[in-house]
């Protein structure tokens, strides 16, 4: 009888353990853009390392030339970005950087998925795939 009771308790513990939610993955931190692809092709050259994204709780922000930000809601691997905004300052960085900044923000508005694979953060949706690595200085 004792063996049956111990067995039932052990079985109940296994069932209850299986019912707990897996830990939620955090994407919070500062990320550097390493690769960007959209319907027009790959375009991160000249921007990689200059673009950062900070994800903190329900807010996303960053900078290429101008500062930008918005709201982010992450549910599993699904992401919803809303209320994106950007400052409108001229930039003394390399020619064409402001065009790339607009392209980045346009691409960001298409993002629907977030994933962290082997230390690389992927934001993607449709033809857009933005890849970031953790900023080693943060």
Protein backbone atom coordinates (compact mmCIF):
# COMPACT_ATOMS: atom_id res chain seq x y z
CA UNK A 1 0.00 0.00 0.00
CA UNK A 2 2.83 2.37 0.87
CA UNK A 3 4.41 1.82 -2.56
CA UNK A 4 1.12 2.71 -4.22
CA UNK A 5 0.80 5.97 -2.23
CA UNK A 6 4.39 6.98 -3.00
CA UNK A 7 3.85 6.15 -6.65
CA UNK A 8 0.65 8.22 -6.77
CA UNK A 9 2.40 11.20 -5.14
CA UNK A 10 5.30 10.97 -7.59
CA UNK A 11 2.87 10.74 -10.53
CA UNK A 12 0.91 13.74 -9.28
CA UNK A 13 4.14 15.75 -8.95
CA UNK A 14 5.07 14.91 -12.55
CA UNK A 15 1.63 15.92 -13.82
CA UNK A 16 1.72 19.23 -11.91
CA UNK A 17 5.22 19.97 -13.15
CA UNK A 18 4.04 19.46 -16.73
CA UNK A 19 1.25 22.00 -16.19
CA UNK A 20 3.53 24.90 -15.33
CA UNK A 21 4.23 27.50 -18.00
CA UNK A 22 7.70 27.49 -19.53
CA UNK A 23 9.83 30.51 -18.66
CA UNK A 24 9.17 33.56 -20.85
CA UNK A 25 12.19 34.51 -22.91
CA UNK A 26 13.36 38.08 -22.42
CA UNK A 27 14.47 40.15 -25.38
CA UNK A 28 15.27 43.17 -23.21
CA UNK A 29 18.65 44.72 -23.89
CA UNK A 30 20.61 46.72 -26.40
CA UNK A 31 21.08 45.18 -29.86
CA UNK A 32 23.31 46.15 -32.82
CA UNK A 33 22.05 45.67 -36.38
CA UNK A 34 24.25 43.24 -38.32
CA UNK A 35 22.07 42.33 -41.30
CA UNK A 36 18.96 43.72 -42.96
CA UNK A 37 17.02 42.28 -45.87
CA UNK A 38 13.71 43.39 -47.38
CA UNK A 39 11.87 43.19 -50.71
CA UNK A 40 14.60 45.36 -52.30
CA UNK A 41 17.44 43.12 -51.09
CA UNK A 42 20.16 43.31 -48.47
CA UNK A 43 21.01 46.80 -47.33
CA UNK A 44 22.76 46.77 -43.94
CA UNK A 45 26.19 47.61 -45.37
CA UNK A 46 27.25 51.00 -44.07
CA UNK A 47 24.68 50.91 -41.29
CA UNK A 48 25.67 47.79 -39.37
CA UNK A 49 27.04 48.70 -35.98
CA UNK A 50 25.61 52.22 -36.20
CA UNK A 51 22.05 51.07 -35.58
CA UNK A 52 20.96 49.95 -32.18
CA UNK A 53 17.69 48.78 -30.79
CA UNK A 54 16.85 48.79 -27.11
CA UNK A 55 13.98 46.64 -25.98
CA UNK A 56 12.82 47.34 -22.47
CA UNK A 57 9.54 45.98 -21.15
CA UNK A 58 6.92 47.23 -23.63
CA UNK A 59 9.03 49.86 -25.40
CA UNK A 60 11.44 49.67 -28.32
CA UNK A 61 13.80 52.48 -29.28
CA UNK A 62 16.95 53.13 -31.22
CA UNK A 63 19.03 55.42 -33.35
CA UNK A 64 20.58 55.47 -36.78
CA UNK A 65 20.75 59.20 -37.32
CA UNK A 66 17.56 60.27 -35.57
CA UNK A 67 16.14 58.80 -32.41
CA UNK A 68 13.07 56.62 -32.87
CA UNK A 69 10.83 54.53 -30.68
CA UNK A 70 7.49 52.88 -30.21
CA UNK A 71 5.52 50.28 -28.33
CA UNK A 72 6.30 46.57 -28.51
CA UNK A 73 4.12 43.70 -27.35
CA UNK A 74 5.69 40.24 -27.47
CA UNK A 75 3.54 37.13 -27.18
CA UNK A 76 5.62 34.01 -27.64
CA UNK A 77 7.37 34.58 -30.97
CA UNK A 78 4.78 37.07 -32.23
CA UNK A 79 5.55 40.76 -31.99
CA UNK A 80 3.31 43.77 -32.43
CA UNK A 81 5.01 47.13 -32.97
CA UNK A 82 2.86 50.24 -32.75
CA UNK A 83 3.03 54.00 -32.33
CA UNK A 84 6.42 54.21 -34.06
CA UNK A 85 7.87 57.71 -34.08
CA UNK A 86 11.11 59.40 -35.13
CA UNK A 87 12.79 62.73 -34.60
CA UNK A 88 13.37 64.74 -37.78
CA UNK A 89 16.90 66.13 -37.48
CA UNK A 90 19.37 66.47 -40.32
CA UNK A 91 22.31 64.15 -40.06
CA UNK A 92 26.01 64.75 -40.56
CA UNK A 93 26.74 61.05 -40.97
CA UNK A 94 27.61 59.54 -44.40
CA UNK A 95 25.53 60.41 -47.46
CA UNK A 96 22.43 58.28 -47.83
CA UNK A 97 22.19 57.42 -44.13
CA UNK A 98 18.84 59.19 -43.77
CA UNK A 99 17.43 57.16 -46.70
CA UNK A 100 18.60 53.98 -44.96
CA UNK A 101 17.05 55.20 -41.74
CA UNK A 102 13.67 55.60 -43.44
CA UNK A 103 14.06 52.16 -45.02
CA UNK A 104 14.81 50.68 -41.60
CA UNK A 105 11.72 52.29 -40.05
CA UNK A 106 9.58 51.15 -42.98
CA UNK A 107 10.92 47.62 -42.57
CA UNK A 108 10.38 47.74 -38.81
CA UNK A 109 6.70 48.52 -39.37
CA UNK A 110 6.36 45.15 -41.20
CA UNK A 111 7.84 43.07 -38.38
CA UNK A 112 5.51 40.43 -36.91
CA UNK A 113 7.93 37.87 -35.47
CA UNK A 114 10.76 37.89 -32.92
CA UNK A 115 13.22 35.10 -32.26
CA UNK A 116 16.54 34.68 -30.48
CA UNK A 117 18.75 32.01 -32.05
CA UNK A 118 22.33 31.41 -30.92
CA UNK A 119 22.67 34.98 -29.62
CA UNK A 120 21.22 36.57 -32.76
CA UNK A 121 17.96 38.49 -32.45
CA UNK A 122 15.72 38.16 -35.52
CA UNK A 123 12.89 40.60 -36.20
CA UNK A 124 11.01 39.50 -39.30
CA UNK A 125 7.78 39.74 -41.22
CA UNK A 126 6.99 39.23 -44.90
CA UNK A 127 10.14 40.01 -46.89
CA UNK A 128 11.84 41.70 -43.90
CA UNK A 129 14.55 40.04 -41.83
CA UNK A 130 16.50 42.24 -39.43
CA UNK A 131 19.30 40.57 -37.47
CA UNK A 132 20.95 41.98 -34.37
CA UNK A 133 23.63 40.90 -31.90
CA UNK A 134 23.84 41.94 -28.30
CA UNK A 135 25.76 45.18 -27.83
CA UNK A 136 29.00 44.18 -26.06
CA UNK A 137 29.25 47.62 -24.43
CA UNK A 138 25.95 47.34 -22.57
